[in-house]
Amino acid sequence: MPVLQRSEMPPLPRLSDAVAEQVFTHKGFHATAYSSGQTYLGEPKDNERLTWLGASALQMAVARCLYDRHPRKQIGFLTVCST
């Protein structure tokens, strides 16, 4: 499998100030922004939901890679490899 060099990688998209603030803000910074029911009182102002989304996308990419590279392996093997 070929490895991309840094110079071959596409540039990262520019983030708006609002998105950058959310991406780089830990949920503890806005501790009062939640109700007791784990629901945001307003717009999310932290990166927790984005972290969850990113982890899900990464998991999907790893699963697809393993599935394609090991077409004869059983699910147990694929599960161990993905963790």
N, C-alpha and C. Protein backbone atom coordinates (compact mmCIF):
# COMPACT_ATOMS: atom_id res chain seq x y z
N MET A 1 0.84 -1.17 0.00
CA MET A 1 0.00 0.00 0.00
C MET A 1 0.90 1.25 0.00
N PRO A 2 0.70 2.15 -0.95
CA PRO A 2 1.54 3.35 -1.00
C PRO A 2 1.27 4.28 0.18
N VAL A 3 2.31 4.95 0.60
CA VAL A 3 2.20 5.90 1.70
C VAL A 3 2.31 7.31 1.13
N LEU A 4 1.36 8.16 1.51
CA LEU A 4 1.39 9.55 1.04
C LEU A 4 2.46 10.33 1.78
N GLN A 5 3.17 11.12 1.05
CA GLN A 5 4.11 12.05 1.66
C GLN A 5 3.33 13.30 2.07
N ARG A 6 3.85 14.02 3.03
CA ARG A 6 3.17 15.22 3.51
C ARG A 6 2.86 16.19 2.37
N SER A 7 3.76 16.32 1.43
CA SER A 7 3.55 17.25 0.31
C SER A 7 2.43 16.79 -0.62
N GLU A 8 2.05 15.51 -0.57
CA GLU A 8 0.99 14.99 -1.42
C GLU A 8 -0.39 15.06 -0.77
N MET A 9 -0.42 15.37 0.51
CA MET A 9 -1.70 15.40 1.22
C MET A 9 -2.44 16.70 0.93
N PRO A 10 -3.76 16.61 0.81
CA PRO A 10 -4.52 17.84 0.55
C PRO A 10 -4.49 18.75 1.78
N PRO A 11 -4.60 20.04 1.57
CA PRO A 11 -4.60 20.95 2.72
C PRO A 11 -5.87 20.78 3.55
N LEU A 12 -5.76 21.05 4.83
CA LEU A 12 -6.94 21.01 5.69
C LEU A 12 -7.83 22.20 5.38
N PRO A 13 -9.15 22.03 5.50
CA PRO A 13 -10.03 23.17 5.24
C PRO A 13 -9.88 24.24 6.33
N ARG A 14 -10.12 25.47 5.97
CA ARG A 14 -10.07 26.55 6.94
C ARG A 14 -11.33 26.48 7.80
N LEU A 15 -11.17 26.77 9.07
CA LEU A 15 -12.30 26.75 10.01
C LEU A 15 -12.75 28.17 10.28
N SER A 16 -14.06 28.35 10.34
CA SER A 16 -14.58 29.65 10.75
C SER A 16 -14.26 29.84 12.23
N ASP A 17 -14.32 31.06 12.71
CA ASP A 17 -14.03 31.32 14.12
C ASP A 17 -14.97 30.54 15.04
N ALA A 18 -16.25 30.47 14.67
CA ALA A 18 -17.23 29.76 15.51
C ALA A 18 -16.91 28.26 15.57
N VAL A 19 -16.57 27.67 14.44
CA VAL A 19 -16.25 26.24 14.42
C VAL A 19 -14.95 25.99 15.16
N ALA A 20 -13.96 26.83 14.95
CA ALA A 20 -12.68 26.66 15.65
C ALA A 20 -12.87 26.74 17.15
N GLU A 21 -13.71 27.65 17.61
CA GLU A 21 -13.97 27.77 19.05
C GLU A 21 -14.59 26.48 19.58
N GLN A 22 -15.53 25.90 18.84
CA GLN A 22 -16.17 24.66 19.28
C GLN A 22 -15.18 23.50 19.25
N VAL A 23 -14.38 23.41 18.20
CA VAL A 23 -13.43 22.30 18.05
C VAL A 23 -12.43 22.27 19.19
N PHE A 24 -11.96 23.43 19.63
CA PHE A 24 -10.89 23.48 20.62
C PHE A 24 -11.37 23.78 22.04
N THR A 25 -12.67 23.60 22.30
CA THR A 25 -13.21 23.87 23.63
C THR A 25 -13.65 22.57 24.30
N HIS A 26 -13.10 22.28 25.47
CA HIS A 26 -13.48 21.11 26.27
C HIS A 26 -14.81 21.38 26.96
N LYS A 27 -15.59 20.33 27.18
CA LYS A 27 -16.92 20.52 27.78
C LYS A 27 -16.87 21.10 29.18
N GLY A 28 -15.78 20.90 29.90
CA GLY A 28 -15.66 21.46 31.24
C GLY A 28 -15.61 22.98 31.26
N PHE A 29 -15.25 23.58 30.15
CA PHE A 29 -15.16 25.03 30.07
C PHE A 29 -16.53 25.67 30.19
N HIS A 30 -17.56 25.03 29.66
CA HIS A 30 -18.93 25.53 29.71
C HIS A 30 -19.79 24.62 30.58
N ALA A 31 -19.33 24.31 31.77
CA ALA A 31 -20.00 23.33 32.62
C ALA A 31 -21.44 23.70 32.94
N THR A 32 -21.79 24.94 32.89
CA THR A 32 -23.15 25.36 33.23
C THR A 32 -24.08 25.33 32.02
N ALA A 33 -23.60 24.90 30.86
CA ALA A 33 -24.43 24.93 29.65
C ALA A 33 -25.33 23.71 29.50
N TYR A 34 -25.36 22.82 30.48
CA TYR A 34 -26.14 21.60 30.38
C TYR A 34 -27.24 21.59 31.43
N SER A 35 -28.36 20.97 31.07
CA SER A 35 -29.40 20.74 32.07
C SER A 35 -29.11 19.41 32.75
N SER A 36 -29.90 19.05 33.74
CA SER A 36 -29.68 17.79 34.44
C SER A 36 -29.98 16.58 33.57
N GLY A 37 -30.68 16.77 32.46
CA GLY A 37 -31.04 15.65 31.58
C GLY A 37 -30.04 15.40 30.48
N GLN A 38 -28.82 15.89 30.61
CA GLN A 38 -27.78 15.69 29.61
C GLN A 38 -28.16 16.30 28.26
N THR A 39 -28.92 17.36 28.27
CA THR A 39 -29.33 18.04 27.05
C THR A 39 -28.75 19.44 27.04
N TYR A 40 -28.24 19.86 25.90
CA TYR A 40 -27.72 21.22 25.79
C TYR A 40 -28.86 22.21 25.97
N LEU A 41 -28.60 23.27 26.71
CA LEU A 41 -29.59 24.32 26.89
C LEU A 41 -29.64 25.24 25.67
N GLY A 42 -28.57 25.33 24.94
CA GLY A 42 -28.50 26.12 23.72
C GLY A 42 -27.66 25.37 22.70
N GLU A 43 -27.05 26.10 21.80
CA GLU A 43 -26.15 25.48 20.82
C GLU A 43 -24.96 24.84 21.53
N PRO A 44 -24.52 23.66 21.09
CA PRO A 44 -23.32 23.07 21.69
C PRO A 44 -22.12 24.00 21.52
N LYS A 45 -21.36 24.18 22.59
CA LYS A 45 -20.21 25.09 22.56
C LYS A 45 -18.91 24.34 22.82
N ASP A 46 -18.95 23.01 22.81
CA ASP A 46 -17.74 22.25 23.08
C ASP A 46 -17.52 21.20 21.99
N ASN A 47 -16.43 20.48 22.11
CA ASN A 47 -16.04 19.52 21.07
C ASN A 47 -16.51 18.09 21.31
N GLU A 48 -17.30 17.86 22.32
CA GLU A 48 -17.66 16.48 22.66
C GLU A 48 -18.41 15.76 21.54
N ARG A 49 -19.39 16.39 20.95
CA ARG A 49 -20.14 15.76 19.86
C ARG A 49 -19.27 15.58 18.62
N LEU A 50 -18.39 16.55 18.36
CA LEU A 50 -17.49 16.43 17.21
C LEU A 50 -16.49 15.30 17.43
N THR A 51 -16.03 15.12 18.67
CA THR A 51 -15.12 14.02 18.99
C THR A 51 -15.80 12.68 18.74
N TRP A 52 -17.04 12.56 19.16
CA TRP A 52 -17.80 11.33 18.94
C TRP A 52 -17.97 11.06 17.45
N LEU A 53 -18.29 12.10 16.69
CA LEU A 53 -18.46 11.95 15.25
C LEU A 53 -17.16 11.54 14.57
N GLY A 54 -16.06 12.17 14.96
CA GLY A 54 -14.76 11.82 14.39
C GLY A 54 -14.35 10.39 14.71
N ALA A 55 -14.59 9.96 15.94
CA ALA A 55 -14.26 8.58 16.32
C ALA A 55 -15.08 7.59 15.51
N SER A 56 -16.33 7.92 15.25
CA SER A 56 -17.19 7.04 14.45
C SER A 56 -16.70 6.96 13.01
N ALA A 57 -16.30 8.08 12.45
CA ALA A 57 -15.78 8.08 11.07
C ALA A 57 -14.49 7.28 10.98
N LEU A 58 -13.62 7.44 11.96
CA LEU A 58 -12.36 6.69 11.97
C LEU A 58 -12.63 5.19 12.10
N GLN A 59 -13.58 4.82 12.95
CA GLN A 59 -13.93 3.41 13.13
C GLN A 59 -14.45 2.83 11.81
N MET A 60 -15.24 3.59 11.09
CA MET A 60 -15.77 3.12 9.82
C MET A 60 -14.65 2.92 8.79
N ALA A 61 -13.69 3.84 8.76
CA ALA A 61 -12.58 3.73 7.82
C ALA A 61 -11.71 2.51 8.14
N VAL A 62 -11.43 2.29 9.42
CA VAL A 62 -10.63 1.13 9.83
C VAL A 62 -11.37 -0.16 9.49
N ALA A 63 -12.66 -0.20 9.75
CA ALA A 63 -13.44 -1.40 9.45
C ALA A 63 -13.41 -1.71 7.96
N ARG A 64 -13.56 -0.69 7.13
CA ARG A 64 -13.55 -0.91 5.68
C ARG A 64 -12.18 -1.41 5.22
N CYS A 65 -11.13 -0.83 5.76
CA CYS A 65 -9.77 -1.25 5.40
C CYS A 65 -9.54 -2.71 5.77
N LEU A 66 -9.91 -3.09 6.98
CA LEU A 66 -9.74 -4.48 7.43
C LEU A 66 -10.59 -5.43 6.60
N TYR A 67 -11.81 -5.03 6.31
CA TYR A 67 -12.72 -5.86 5.51
C TYR A 67 -12.14 -6.13 4.13
N ASP A 68 -11.58 -5.09 3.51
CA ASP A 68 -11.00 -5.24 2.17
C ASP A 68 -9.69 -6.02 2.18
N ARG A 69 -8.86 -5.83 3.20
CA ARG A 69 -7.55 -6.48 3.26
C ARG A 69 -7.62 -7.95 3.67
N HIS A 70 -8.66 -8.33 4.37
CA HIS A 70 -8.78 -9.71 4.89
C HIS A 70 -10.14 -10.30 4.51
N PRO A 71 -10.35 -10.58 3.22
CA PRO A 71 -11.67 -11.03 2.77
C PRO A 71 -12.09 -12.40 3.29
N ARG A 72 -11.16 -13.21 3.78
CA ARG A 72 -11.50 -14.57 4.23
C ARG A 72 -11.51 -14.71 5.75
N LYS A 73 -11.19 -13.64 6.46
CA LYS A 73 -11.13 -13.73 7.92
C LYS A 73 -12.53 -13.59 8.52
N GLN A 74 -12.70 -14.21 9.69
CA GLN A 74 -13.98 -14.15 10.38
C GLN A 74 -14.08 -12.86 11.21
N ILE A 75 -15.28 -12.60 11.67
CA ILE A 75 -15.55 -11.35 12.40
C ILE A 75 -14.71 -11.20 13.66
N GLY A 76 -14.47 -12.30 14.35
CA GLY A 76 -13.66 -12.23 15.57
C GLY A 76 -12.27 -11.66 15.32
N PHE A 77 -11.64 -12.11 14.24
CA PHE A 77 -10.32 -11.60 13.85
C PHE A 77 -10.41 -10.11 13.52
N LEU A 78 -11.42 -9.73 12.74
CA LEU A 78 -11.57 -8.33 12.35
C LEU A 78 -11.82 -7.44 13.57
N THR A 79 -12.59 -7.94 14.52
CA THR A 79 -12.87 -7.18 15.74
C THR A 79 -11.61 -6.95 16.56
N VAL A 80 -10.81 -8.00 16.73
CA VAL A 80 -9.57 -7.88 17.47
C VAL A 80 -8.64 -6.89 16.79
N CYS A 81 -8.54 -6.98 15.48
CA CYS A 81 -7.66 -6.07 14.74
C CYS A 81 -8.11 -4.62 14.84
N SER A 82 -9.39 -4.39 14.90
CA SER A 82 -9.88 -3.01 14.90
C SER A 82 -9.75 -2.35 16.26
N THR A 83 -9.52 -3.15 17.31
CA THR A 83 -9.38 -2.56 18.62
C THR A 83 -7.95 -2.42 18.93
